Each structure stands twice: as C-alpha cells, then as structure tokens.
Amino acid sequence: MSAGGRQTVAPLGTCETGGSGRVRSAPSPERGAEVRGPEDPICRGIFQVEKRSCDVVLTSSRLTWTPIEPESPTEHFPNRPKYLKVVINPYSHRMEAKQVYYEQVAPLFKLADIKTDISTLPYVHTDGNHKFKVTEHEGHAFSVLMECDIQEFDGLVCVGGDGTASEVAHGLLLRAQIDAGRDIDSNFTPVRAPLPLGIIPAGSTNILAFSVHGIKHPGTAAMHIIMGNFQKVDVCTFCSHNRLLQFGFTAMLGFGGRTLALAEKHRWMPSTQRREFAVIKTLTNLKPENCELSFLPSENVYVVDQEDKRNEDEMNAIEQCNNEDKWQTIQGHFLNISIMAIPCVCSMAPRGLAPNTRLDNGSMSLIVVQNCSRADFIKHLKRYGNLTNQFDFPFVQTYTVQEVKIRTGTKHRWTDTTSDKNADFHSSHSSVISLKENSPWNVDGNLLEGTSEINIKIHSQLITLYGRNIEECDDTVKCSCL
C-alpha cells in the first residue's frame, strides 16, 4: 500500500481490513498518550490499494478502506476547465493585477493542470510590421475576443476591477450576438454568452466578485474556476433609440454618475484619494437631475426548460408582452437613480447596494432618491456601510422591475427612431459611448457619457460566471471562501 507522498500508518494491535493488503502490528501507545475511543479515527487519507484509490481510515482497533467511486478525482468536477483565455488589466486599482494573477492564481492553475492563453490590456494589435494600442473607445476586451478562436477555450477569465469585469462581459456577450447574427441596432433578444466567465478580483471595490463569491479573495475565485462551479447571472442591456450601448449589471444616474465623471478627470490621483475627493466634491455641488422615469414592474419571471437551459422562445414571448397598462411613470427631480441586476455587495456596503436583488431571478432593483437636503442624503449614504436599512427614508423609493426607461429633461416625447442627431458614437461596438451635453452614467464602474433617453432591460441568466450563489450556503458556515 503506497501513500503517494503520505506516510503509511499501521494500526495499533490487530486490524480488520476490507481488502487483501497486509499490515503489521504496531507497538502499544506510550503512557500519557491521548486516550481514544475504539472507533475514533487516528488517521485518514487517500491511499492506493492494489492499484485502486481508496479512502483509508485508521482507528485504534481496525484499518478499513473503501474504493473511491469514481476513481478519478476530476470526475467529481464535470465542468472543470482545461484551457482558459485570461485577460489581465494591469492598470486596475494600484496596478497590482499582474502580481495578483502570477503570485496567487497562476500557481493554482498550474497545479490543476489548466493551460492558459494570456492577453494584457490595453491590447496591442499587430498589423504587419507595425504595433499599436487599441484605444479605449474601440474596446480592449472586444478586440481581444474578436481575434481569438473562442471555441478553443473552456472558459474566460478576467483579472481586474469592476470596470474590467464589465468590459470583458460586454465583449463576450457582444461577440455572441455577432456570431449568432443578431442585429444589435434593433429591438433584439440577446443570446447567452458561449463561455463561462471567471472574475479574479484585483480592483478597489470588486462588486461583481463580492456578489458571486461572497469575498474579495483571488484564491477563492481561482478555486471556483478550477472546480468548475457555475452560477448563472442576469444581465441588462442599455439601449438608446433601439441601439445597443452596452451590456452591464448596474447603473447609476445623478450622484453616482457625477461622482465617477469627476473621478475620471483626476486619474492622476491615487485611487482611494481620487474616490474620496470625487465624493466630497460632488456632495458639495449636489444637485438633482430633472428626469422622466417609466418602469415595468417585475413578475419575477424565471423560465428554464428541463435541462435548466434558457428557453429562448418563451423568454422572447415574455419580453415582448409588456402590457402598456402595467407601466408606471414618475417625473421630477432626483438626486440619484440606481438600477441593479445583482446585489452589489462590497466592503463598503456589506448588505449590498441592492440587498433585495438576486443574481438570477430575472428582475432588477430600481432605487430612486428624490430631491432632499444634503444632510438627509448623507444620512442615506452612511447607512450603506452598516446593517441599518438604507431605504428607510421618505425620499427613497424602491421597486422591483423588468424594464426601465429614463429620459433627462421634459421637452420631448419618447421616440422609437433609430437615429440621434446629437449622438457621437465612436463605435457601434464600443464599451464607452460619448454623447454630447447629457448627464453622465456610471455603468459597472465605467463612464457612459449620458444620453437624453435610455432603455434598460433585464435578461434572465444571460451569462454564466464561475462561482456559487452565496445565498444557498449554510448560514452556520463562517468561512466565505468555498
């Protein structure tokens, strides 16, 4: 019997065996040794008995072993990846993404015998003898994904913060629509992402990783990938005049958008200082947005077939049956409007920015903060950092919705036209859209220079992330890693 690196332990006294191995007796325990019951395990491990992997248990009275079924450990993890495409953003947070990956993640992938193909952002494209960096408006991640044979890989991994994760998810979903022949400049029903996405947190807030893993820990995220743990997650489409702007998980207009816009103008500052400066400056110049807000309340639609796959025909029918009588409209001045498809858990908001939202239930939270005093608004913000209900204010309303339409100003009606004379689209495939003289949006930590009209729709389980729904974990478990 070989231990494969572990010591082979003989039983104390006689032994009973469940196989044909022979084990010699060992001396009696010395005086003062710990007294064990006859069936208390002294040692347990996986050993090889007659070329079969066995679960071996040693007690004071016997040695028993049971063949492991299935014998190959990898068969316990049918979704275990063998080849991954890895996208690293070295500029995330404190420029630590490369270090996080190569010191904490790459060794685990190597031990698990997972091969990787690594790309670093900003992506350097080669054209003959010339090299040039793809600009931000052209979409780094999308360029990476368009130039690789996506069918070669078992999964996609991004290393960075929320902005990086959002950009990679957007690129992956956009590639899926192009491959499926979807017209993204129309009112289309998106197809699901073809590969699962793993998120290695290396940013400042890491809301997406926190919401899926329950913790900001690169090793935990890596182990979910290695073990092939899957979690289906809802995704929103952000459209203007029926034209797709971006796939995403969260959006903020008003305080959240203006804070990000100000922070982006001061990127020369360290990330923590930049964020604090932007928050204080925006609070100092706090002003409401004049908006008309329409939304379709959610019916908590959750449609899957017998194989737990998204039924495209049924989902399409549901998404098209928006009864006009069910739409509700609010018009006024708002300090902040948030739309969240995920709970948005992070260290600064332990309950989540949207604690009543689930990852995969086909609905999103709409959180509306009406115009109020600066002091009251600060009280509302402070409650995100503790367990007090941050929505327990008369100026805060929350809704569970399927679709939201927002337009700033009140001078024109809703339009279904596909043209916008004021639009300055850098690319139809861009992850950052710039439109003139409109309120800025914060979409997953990326700045989307706002549009006068935007339509946000939830799509159930559109993407699969490596991870496990922390809501399903046993409440008695204190460790959040796996």
Protein backbone atom coordinates (compact mmCIF):
# COMPACT_ATOMS: atom_id res chain seq x y z
CA MET A 1 0.00 0.00 0.00
CA SER A 2 1.54 3.29 -1.12
CA ALA A 3 0.66 6.69 0.29
CA GLY A 4 1.57 8.83 -2.69
CA GLY A 5 3.63 11.17 -0.54
CA ARG A 6 1.82 10.49 2.73
CA GLN A 7 3.22 8.22 5.45
CA THR A 8 1.77 4.74 5.68
CA VAL A 9 0.37 4.26 9.18
CA ALA A 10 -0.02 0.84 10.75
CA PRO A 11 -2.86 0.14 13.22
CA LEU A 12 -2.36 -0.32 16.93
CA GLY A 13 -2.82 -4.01 17.68
CA THR A 14 -4.82 -6.21 15.34
CA CYS A 15 -6.64 -4.93 12.34
CA GLU A 16 -9.60 -5.79 10.20
CA THR A 17 -9.36 -4.99 6.53
CA GLY A 18 -11.80 -4.65 3.67
CA GLY A 19 -9.19 -5.73 1.07
CA SER A 20 -6.24 -8.05 0.61
CA GLY A 21 -3.49 -5.80 1.98
CA ARG A 22 -1.30 -6.99 4.86
CA VAL A 23 -0.42 -4.64 7.72
CA ARG A 24 1.91 -5.44 10.59
CA SER A 25 1.03 -4.69 14.19
CA ALA A 26 2.43 -1.59 15.86
CA PRO A 27 3.56 -1.12 19.48
CA SER A 28 1.06 -0.19 22.16
CA PRO A 29 0.71 3.50 22.92
CA GLU A 30 3.11 5.07 25.40
CA ARG A 31 1.99 6.23 28.80
CA GLY A 32 0.47 9.67 28.82
CA ALA A 33 -0.74 9.31 25.23
CA GLU A 34 -4.15 10.63 24.34
CA VAL A 35 -6.89 8.12 25.09
CA ARG A 36 -9.12 7.49 22.06
CA GLY A 37 -12.30 5.56 21.64
CA PRO A 38 -12.12 2.29 19.69
CA GLU A 39 -13.62 3.84 16.56
CA ASP A 40 -12.11 7.34 16.75
CA PRO A 41 -10.04 7.98 13.60
CA ILE A 42 -6.34 8.30 14.25
CA CYS A 43 -5.52 9.00 10.63
CA ARG A 44 -7.47 9.21 7.39
CA GLY A 45 -6.33 9.71 3.82
CA ILE A 46 -6.43 8.53 0.21
CA PHE A 47 -4.08 5.59 -0.43
CA GLN A 48 -3.57 3.13 -3.23
CA VAL A 49 -4.60 -0.46 -2.53
CA GLU A 50 -3.98 -2.94 -5.36
CA LYS A 51 -3.77 -0.05 -7.86
CA ARG A 52 -7.11 1.40 -6.78
CA SER A 53 -7.63 4.72 -5.00
CA CYS A 54 -9.20 4.08 -1.60
CA ASP A 55 -10.47 6.11 1.33
CA VAL A 56 -8.40 4.68 4.21
CA VAL A 57 -9.42 5.13 7.87
CA LEU A 58 -7.22 4.11 10.80
CA THR A 59 -8.69 3.67 14.30
CA SER A 60 -7.25 2.09 17.43
CA SER A 61 -8.94 -1.22 16.64
CA ARG A 62 -9.00 -1.54 12.87
CA LEU A 63 -7.86 -0.32 9.49
CA THR A 64 -10.54 -0.08 6.83
CA TRP A 65 -10.54 1.13 3.26
CA THR A 66 -13.25 1.77 0.71
CA PRO A 67 -12.68 2.15 -3.05
CA ILE A 68 -13.37 5.68 -4.27
CA GLU A 69 -16.06 5.97 -6.94
CA PRO A 70 -15.45 7.50 -9.38
CA GLU A 71 -11.77 6.68 -9.01
CA SER A 72 -10.57 9.74 -10.94
CA PRO A 73 -10.92 12.88 -8.74
CA THR A 74 -11.60 15.05 -11.79
CA GLU A 75 -14.84 13.18 -12.40
CA HIS A 76 -16.23 14.92 -9.31
CA PHE A 77 -15.99 18.19 -11.24
CA PRO A 78 -17.55 17.68 -14.69
CA ASN A 79 -17.24 21.39 -15.51
CA ARG A 80 -13.55 21.59 -14.67
CA PRO A 81 -11.81 23.69 -17.38
CA LYS A 82 -8.67 22.53 -19.14
CA TYR A 83 -7.88 25.56 -21.29
CA LEU A 84 -8.65 29.17 -20.33
CA LYS A 85 -8.39 32.53 -22.03
CA VAL A 86 -7.07 35.03 -19.45
CA VAL A 87 -7.42 38.81 -19.84
CA ILE A 88 -5.42 40.97 -17.41
CA ASN A 89 -5.83 44.70 -16.87
CA PRO A 90 -2.51 45.78 -15.30
CA TYR A 91 -3.86 49.27 -14.58
CA SER A 92 -6.65 48.19 -12.22
CA HIS A 93 -6.61 49.78 -8.76
CA ARG A 94 -2.94 50.07 -7.72
CA MET A 95 -1.62 48.35 -10.82
CA GLU A 96 -1.48 45.08 -8.92
CA ALA A 97 -3.47 42.81 -11.25
CA LYS A 98 -0.40 41.15 -12.79
CA GLN A 99 1.07 40.46 -9.38
CA VAL A 100 -2.23 39.07 -8.11
CA TYR A 101 -2.52 36.72 -11.05
CA TYR A 102 1.04 35.43 -11.26
CA GLU A 103 1.54 35.06 -7.50
CA GLN A 104 -1.86 33.87 -6.31
CA VAL A 105 -3.73 32.41 -9.29
CA ALA A 106 -1.28 31.07 -11.87
CA PRO A 107 0.32 28.58 -9.41
CA LEU A 108 -3.12 27.12 -8.64
CA PHE A 109 -3.95 26.79 -12.32
CA LYS A 110 -0.60 25.02 -12.84
CA LEU A 111 -1.27 22.58 -10.01
CA ALA A 112 -4.68 21.86 -11.53
CA ASP A 113 -3.06 21.24 -14.93
CA ILE A 114 -5.02 24.06 -16.57
CA LYS A 115 -3.48 25.62 -19.67
CA THR A 116 -3.87 29.36 -20.24
CA ASP A 117 -3.60 31.87 -23.05
CA ILE A 118 -2.94 35.34 -21.59
CA SER A 119 -3.71 38.78 -23.03
CA THR A 120 -2.89 42.06 -21.30
CA LEU A 121 -4.89 45.28 -21.65
CA PRO A 122 -4.58 47.74 -23.29
CA TYR A 123 -4.46 45.28 -26.14
CA VAL A 124 -1.54 45.62 -28.57
CA HIS A 125 -2.66 44.78 -32.09
CA THR A 126 -0.14 43.78 -34.74
CA ASP A 127 -0.66 44.95 -38.32
CA GLY A 128 2.19 43.65 -40.47
CA ASN A 129 5.39 45.14 -39.07
CA HIS A 130 3.56 47.75 -37.02
CA LYS A 131 2.16 47.55 -33.49
CA PHE A 132 -0.37 49.92 -31.99
CA LYS A 133 -2.52 50.04 -28.88
CA VAL A 134 -6.25 49.74 -29.28
CA THR A 135 -7.86 52.88 -27.88
CA GLU A 136 -10.36 52.77 -25.06
CA HIS A 137 -13.27 53.72 -27.33
CA GLU A 138 -12.59 50.75 -29.60
CA GLY A 139 -12.96 48.33 -26.71
CA HIS A 140 -9.90 46.44 -25.50
CA ALA A 141 -11.65 43.26 -24.44
CA PHE A 142 -13.84 43.12 -27.53
CA SER A 143 -10.76 43.33 -29.76
CA VAL A 144 -9.11 40.51 -27.83
CA LEU A 145 -12.18 38.29 -28.09
CA MET A 146 -12.80 39.02 -31.76
CA GLU A 147 -9.26 37.99 -32.74
CA CYS A 148 -9.18 34.66 -30.89
CA ASP A 149 -10.82 31.35 -31.69
CA ILE A 150 -13.25 31.36 -28.81
CA GLN A 151 -14.25 27.72 -29.41
CA GLU A 152 -10.79 26.58 -28.33
CA PHE A 153 -11.36 27.56 -24.72
CA ASP A 154 -13.38 26.09 -21.88
CA GLY A 155 -13.76 29.44 -20.14
CA LEU A 156 -12.74 33.08 -19.99
CA VAL A 157 -11.01 34.71 -17.01
CA CYS A 158 -10.55 38.42 -16.34
CA VAL A 159 -8.19 39.90 -13.75
CA GLY A 160 -9.06 43.42 -12.62
CA GLY A 161 -11.77 45.51 -11.03
CA ASP A 162 -15.44 46.09 -11.79
CA GLY A 163 -14.67 48.10 -14.90
CA THR A 164 -12.53 45.30 -16.32
CA ALA A 165 -15.09 42.63 -15.47
CA SER A 166 -17.85 44.67 -17.08
CA GLU A 167 -15.80 45.33 -20.21
CA VAL A 168 -14.91 41.65 -20.63
CA ALA A 169 -18.51 40.54 -20.01
CA HIS A 170 -19.71 43.11 -22.54
CA GLY A 171 -17.16 41.92 -25.09
CA LEU A 172 -18.06 38.27 -24.55
CA LEU A 173 -21.79 38.93 -24.97
CA LEU A 174 -21.24 41.21 -27.94
CA ARG A 175 -19.16 38.51 -29.64
CA ALA A 176 -22.02 36.07 -29.00
CA GLN A 177 -24.54 38.37 -30.71
CA ILE A 178 -22.31 38.86 -33.75
CA ASP A 179 -21.66 35.12 -34.07
CA ALA A 180 -25.42 34.47 -33.80
CA GLY A 181 -26.23 37.11 -36.44
CA ARG A 182 -28.20 39.34 -34.06
CA ASP A 183 -28.82 42.92 -35.20
CA ILE A 184 -27.76 44.98 -32.17
CA ASP A 185 -29.16 48.16 -33.75
CA SER A 186 -32.69 46.85 -33.37
CA ASN A 187 -35.00 45.63 -30.62
CA PHE A 188 -33.33 42.22 -30.42
CA THR A 189 -33.40 39.32 -27.95
CA PRO A 190 -29.78 38.53 -26.98
CA VAL A 191 -28.32 35.03 -26.96
CA ARG A 192 -26.39 33.71 -23.99
CA ALA A 193 -22.64 34.02 -23.61
CA PRO A 194 -20.88 30.97 -25.12
CA LEU A 195 -18.28 30.62 -22.34
CA PRO A 196 -18.38 30.88 -18.54
CA LEU A 197 -16.57 33.92 -17.15
CA GLY A 198 -14.29 33.83 -14.13
CA ILE A 199 -13.55 37.05 -12.25
CA ILE A 200 -10.28 37.37 -10.31
CA PRO A 201 -10.78 40.47 -8.10
CA ALA A 202 -7.93 42.98 -8.37
CA GLY A 203 -9.76 46.31 -8.15
CA SER A 204 -10.86 48.67 -5.42
CA THR A 205 -14.49 47.61 -4.81
CA ASN A 206 -14.92 44.35 -6.79
CA ILE A 207 -18.71 44.42 -6.52
CA LEU A 208 -19.27 41.65 -9.07
CA ALA A 209 -16.76 39.27 -7.45
CA PHE A 210 -18.12 40.03 -3.96
CA SER A 211 -21.69 39.35 -5.10
CA VAL A 212 -20.79 35.97 -6.62
CA HIS A 213 -18.09 34.72 -4.21
CA GLY A 214 -19.07 36.49 -1.00
CA ILE A 215 -15.50 37.68 -0.52
CA LYS A 216 -12.70 39.57 -2.26
CA HIS A 217 -10.13 36.80 -2.46
CA PRO A 218 -8.26 35.82 -5.65
CA GLY A 219 -7.57 32.30 -4.36
CA THR A 220 -11.26 31.67 -3.72
CA ALA A 221 -12.16 32.89 -7.20
CA ALA A 222 -9.45 30.66 -8.69
CA MET A 223 -10.70 27.59 -6.83
CA HIS A 224 -14.25 28.14 -8.10
CA ILE A 225 -12.80 28.17 -11.62
CA ILE A 226 -10.68 25.07 -11.03
CA MET A 227 -13.62 23.13 -9.55
CA GLY A 228 -15.98 24.23 -12.32
CA ASN A 229 -18.57 25.84 -10.04
CA PHE A 230 -21.13 27.67 -12.18
CA GLN A 231 -23.54 30.47 -11.30
CA LYS A 232 -25.95 31.85 -13.88
CA VAL A 233 -26.38 35.62 -13.64
CA ASP A 234 -28.84 38.14 -15.08
CA VAL A 235 -27.56 40.89 -17.37
CA CYS A 236 -29.05 44.21 -18.50
CA THR A 237 -28.99 45.76 -21.95
CA PHE A 238 -28.57 49.54 -22.12
CA CYS A 239 -30.04 50.90 -25.34
CA SER A 240 -30.75 54.32 -26.81
CA HIS A 241 -33.21 54.67 -29.68
CA ASN A 242 -33.17 50.85 -30.03
CA ARG A 243 -29.40 50.90 -30.42
CA LEU A 244 -27.31 48.81 -28.03
CA LEU A 245 -24.90 50.87 -25.94
CA GLN A 246 -23.68 48.23 -23.53
CA PHE A 247 -24.34 45.01 -21.66
CA GLY A 248 -23.99 45.51 -17.91
CA PHE A 249 -25.10 44.66 -14.38
CA THR A 250 -25.54 48.03 -12.63
CA ALA A 251 -26.13 51.68 -13.49
CA MET A 252 -26.41 54.98 -11.62
CA LEU A 253 -27.57 58.37 -12.83
CA GLY A 254 -27.21 61.54 -10.77
CA PHE A 255 -24.88 61.41 -7.77
CA GLY A 256 -23.33 58.07 -8.79
CA GLY A 257 -22.72 59.18 -12.35
CA ARG A 258 -21.38 62.63 -11.49
CA THR A 259 -19.01 61.19 -8.87
CA LEU A 260 -17.48 58.79 -11.40
CA ALA A 261 -17.22 61.51 -14.05
CA LEU A 262 -15.32 63.75 -11.62
CA ALA A 263 -13.06 60.88 -10.54
CA GLU A 264 -12.18 60.11 -14.15
CA LYS A 265 -10.94 63.67 -14.59
CA HIS A 266 -8.48 63.15 -11.71
CA ARG A 267 -6.98 59.79 -12.59
CA TRP A 268 -3.53 61.16 -11.77
CA MET A 269 -4.52 60.89 -8.09
CA PRO A 270 -4.18 57.59 -6.15
CA SER A 271 -7.39 55.57 -6.47
CA THR A 272 -8.53 55.90 -2.84
CA GLN A 273 -7.86 59.64 -2.70
CA ARG A 274 -9.47 60.13 -6.09
CA ARG A 275 -12.64 58.37 -4.97
CA GLU A 276 -12.87 60.31 -1.70
CA PHE A 277 -12.21 63.61 -3.45
CA ALA A 278 -14.90 62.93 -6.04
CA VAL A 279 -17.49 62.01 -3.40
CA ILE A 280 -16.83 65.11 -1.29
CA LYS A 281 -16.73 67.42 -4.30
CA THR A 282 -19.98 66.01 -5.72
CA LEU A 283 -21.69 66.31 -2.34
CA THR A 284 -20.54 69.91 -2.13
CA ASN A 285 -22.09 70.66 -5.52
CA LEU A 286 -25.05 68.35 -5.00
CA LYS A 287 -27.86 68.97 -7.47
CA PRO A 288 -30.81 66.92 -8.71
CA GLU A 289 -31.49 65.57 -12.20
CA ASN A 290 -34.73 66.53 -13.94
CA CYS A 291 -35.99 63.19 -15.30
CA GLU A 292 -38.99 61.30 -16.50
CA LEU A 293 -38.84 57.73 -15.32
CA SER A 294 -41.03 54.90 -16.61
CA PHE A 295 -40.79 51.29 -15.45
CA LEU A 296 -42.46 47.93 -15.88
CA PRO A 297 -42.92 46.12 -12.52
CA SER A 298 -41.42 42.66 -12.40
CA GLU A 299 -43.43 39.48 -12.31
CA ASN A 300 -40.30 37.57 -11.19
CA VAL A 301 -40.19 35.56 -14.38
CA TYR A 302 -37.86 32.58 -14.14
CA VAL A 303 -38.07 30.45 -17.27
CA VAL A 304 -35.93 27.32 -17.73
CA ASP A 305 -36.54 24.07 -19.52
CA GLN A 306 -35.99 20.55 -18.22
CA GLU A 307 -32.27 20.77 -18.88
CA ASP A 308 -32.01 24.05 -16.94
CA LYS A 309 -31.39 26.00 -20.13
CA ARG A 310 -32.86 29.34 -21.07
CA ASN A 311 -35.88 28.79 -23.30
CA GLU A 312 -35.39 31.46 -25.97
CA ASP A 313 -38.90 31.23 -27.42
CA GLU A 314 -40.63 31.60 -24.05
CA MET A 315 -38.30 34.37 -22.89
CA ASN A 316 -38.80 36.25 -26.12
CA ALA A 317 -42.56 35.99 -25.76
CA ILE A 318 -42.42 37.22 -22.17
CA GLU A 319 -40.12 40.12 -23.03
CA GLN A 320 -42.45 41.23 -25.80
CA CYS A 321 -45.69 41.09 -23.79
CA ASN A 322 -45.17 44.37 -22.00
CA ASN A 323 -48.70 45.46 -21.32
CA GLU A 324 -48.83 49.25 -21.58
CA ASP A 325 -51.34 49.34 -18.73
CA LYS A 326 -48.70 47.98 -16.33
CA TRP A 327 -46.13 50.69 -16.97
CA GLN A 328 -45.73 53.31 -14.26
CA THR A 329 -44.27 56.78 -14.73
CA ILE A 330 -42.61 59.20 -12.29
CA GLN A 331 -41.49 62.67 -13.20
CA GLY A 332 -39.49 65.03 -11.01
CA HIS A 333 -36.08 65.97 -9.64
CA PHE A 334 -33.92 63.10 -8.35
CA LEU A 335 -30.55 63.12 -6.61
CA ASN A 336 -29.75 59.57 -7.66
CA ILE A 337 -31.31 56.74 -9.67
CA SER A 338 -29.86 53.22 -9.41
CA ILE A 339 -30.71 50.14 -11.46
CA MET A 340 -29.17 46.91 -10.12
CA ALA A 341 -29.39 43.40 -11.58
CA ILE A 342 -27.16 41.97 -8.82
CA PRO A 343 -26.96 42.62 -5.04
CA CYS A 344 -23.76 44.70 -5.41
CA VAL A 345 -22.12 43.50 -2.20
CA CYS A 346 -18.78 45.07 -1.25
CA SER A 347 -16.76 46.04 1.81
CA MET A 348 -18.38 49.50 1.83
CA ALA A 349 -21.89 48.01 1.56
CA PRO A 350 -21.95 44.66 3.43
CA ARG A 351 -25.69 44.24 2.82
CA GLY A 352 -25.29 45.28 -0.78
CA LEU A 353 -26.34 48.37 -2.70
CA ALA A 354 -29.45 46.38 -3.65
CA PRO A 355 -29.85 43.76 -0.90
CA ASN A 356 -33.24 42.53 -2.14
CA THR A 357 -31.91 41.64 -5.58
CA ARG A 358 -30.87 38.12 -6.57
CA LEU A 359 -28.30 37.04 -9.12
CA ASP A 360 -30.59 35.01 -11.35
CA ASN A 361 -34.28 35.72 -10.73
CA GLY A 362 -34.97 37.75 -13.88
CA SER A 363 -35.62 41.08 -12.15
CA MET A 364 -33.68 44.18 -11.12
CA SER A 365 -33.94 46.77 -8.38
CA LEU A 366 -34.85 50.36 -9.17
CA ILE A 367 -33.81 52.70 -6.35
CA VAL A 368 -34.97 56.32 -6.63
CA VAL A 369 -33.71 59.07 -4.32
CA GLN A 370 -35.84 62.18 -4.64
CA ASN A 371 -34.58 65.69 -4.06
CA CYS A 372 -33.82 66.28 -0.38
CA SER A 373 -31.40 68.18 1.83
CA ARG A 374 -27.69 67.42 1.66
CA ALA A 375 -27.75 66.33 5.32
CA ASP A 376 -30.54 63.80 4.71
CA PHE A 377 -28.83 62.47 1.58
CA ILE A 378 -25.59 61.92 3.54
CA LYS A 379 -27.54 60.02 6.20
CA HIS A 380 -28.87 57.79 3.44
CA LEU A 381 -25.37 57.15 2.08
CA LYS A 382 -23.89 56.38 5.50
CA ARG A 383 -26.39 53.60 6.08
CA TYR A 384 -24.89 51.58 3.24
CA GLY A 385 -21.87 50.96 5.46
CA ASN A 386 -23.80 49.26 8.27
CA LEU A 387 -26.73 46.92 8.73
CA THR A 388 -29.33 49.68 9.04
CA ASN A 389 -31.97 49.87 6.31
CA GLN A 390 -30.64 52.48 3.87
CA PHE A 391 -34.05 52.80 2.22
CA ASP A 392 -35.99 53.74 5.35
CA PHE A 393 -36.41 57.38 4.36
CA PRO A 394 -39.49 59.15 2.94
CA PHE A 395 -37.47 60.43 -0.02
CA VAL A 396 -36.27 56.95 -1.10
CA GLN A 397 -38.44 54.58 -3.15
CA THR A 398 -37.54 51.08 -4.28
CA TYR A 399 -39.15 48.95 -6.99
CA THR A 400 -38.59 45.50 -8.47
CA VAL A 401 -38.73 45.88 -12.24
CA GLN A 402 -38.19 44.19 -15.59
CA GLU A 403 -37.57 47.26 -17.69
CA VAL A 404 -36.82 50.94 -17.15
CA LYS A 405 -36.94 53.94 -19.49
CA ILE A 406 -35.30 57.20 -18.44
CA ARG A 407 -35.02 60.50 -20.19
CA THR A 408 -33.50 63.66 -18.83
CA GLY A 409 -35.36 66.94 -19.33
CA THR A 410 -39.03 67.16 -20.26
CA LYS A 411 -39.02 68.87 -23.66
CA HIS A 412 -39.63 65.89 -25.91
CA ARG A 413 -41.56 62.64 -26.01
CA TRP A 414 -40.32 59.10 -26.10
CA THR A 415 -39.14 58.09 -29.55
CA ASP A 416 -38.60 54.74 -31.23
CA THR A 417 -36.45 56.10 -34.03
CA THR A 418 -33.03 54.62 -34.55
CA SER A 419 -31.31 57.92 -35.33
CA ASP A 420 -29.99 60.53 -32.93
CA LYS A 421 -28.53 63.66 -34.45
CA ASN A 422 -26.78 64.56 -31.22
CA ALA A 423 -25.12 61.16 -30.84
CA ASP A 424 -21.38 60.88 -31.24
CA PHE A 425 -20.81 57.13 -31.33
CA HIS A 426 -17.12 56.23 -31.52
CA SER A 427 -18.06 52.69 -32.49
CA SER A 428 -21.17 50.52 -32.52
CA HIS A 429 -19.11 48.00 -30.58
CA SER A 430 -17.81 50.47 -28.01
CA SER A 431 -17.86 49.83 -24.28
CA VAL A 432 -17.78 53.58 -23.64
CA ILE A 433 -20.31 55.73 -25.53
CA SER A 434 -19.92 59.51 -25.54
CA LEU A 435 -22.99 61.66 -26.20
CA LYS A 436 -22.98 65.44 -26.12
CA GLU A 437 -24.21 67.57 -23.23
CA ASN A 438 -26.08 64.93 -21.25
CA SER A 439 -25.90 63.62 -17.71
CA PRO A 440 -23.15 61.05 -17.09
CA TRP A 441 -23.97 57.43 -16.26
CA ASN A 442 -21.97 55.06 -14.09
CA VAL A 443 -22.36 51.61 -15.67
CA ASP A 444 -20.44 48.96 -13.72
CA GLY A 445 -17.76 51.49 -12.82
CA ASN A 446 -17.35 52.59 -16.45
CA LEU A 447 -18.30 56.10 -17.51
CA LEU A 448 -21.04 56.28 -20.09
CA GLU A 449 -21.49 59.90 -21.08
CA GLY A 450 -25.24 60.01 -20.68
CA THR A 451 -27.94 60.09 -23.27
CA SER A 452 -31.19 62.00 -23.24
CA GLU A 453 -33.04 58.67 -23.49
CA ILE A 454 -32.02 55.24 -22.29
CA ASN A 455 -33.86 51.92 -22.10
CA ILE A 456 -32.65 49.32 -19.59
CA LYS A 457 -33.99 45.78 -19.81
CA ILE A 458 -33.18 42.68 -17.74
CA HIS A 459 -32.33 39.38 -19.45
CA SER A 460 -32.53 36.33 -17.23
CA GLN A 461 -29.39 34.21 -16.80
CA LEU A 462 -27.71 35.65 -19.87
CA ILE A 463 -24.19 34.90 -18.67
CA THR A 464 -22.58 32.16 -16.57
CA LEU A 465 -19.94 33.11 -14.01
CA TYR A 466 -17.56 30.83 -12.17
CA GLY A 467 -18.74 30.86 -8.57
CA ARG A 468 -21.52 29.76 -6.29
CA ASN A 469 -24.59 31.60 -5.08
CA ILE A 470 -23.68 32.60 -1.53
CA GLU A 471 -27.38 32.76 -0.65
CA GLU A 472 -27.50 28.96 -0.92
CA CYS A 473 -24.68 28.42 1.58
CA ASP A 474 -25.39 27.11 5.07
CA ASP A 475 -25.83 30.01 7.49
CA THR A 476 -23.74 28.17 10.08
CA VAL A 477 -20.68 28.30 7.84
CA LYS A 478 -18.46 31.17 8.92
CA CYS A 479 -15.88 30.93 6.15
CA SER A 480 -16.96 32.52 2.86
CA CYS A 481 -14.28 31.04 0.63
CA LEU A 482 -15.87 27.87 -0.79
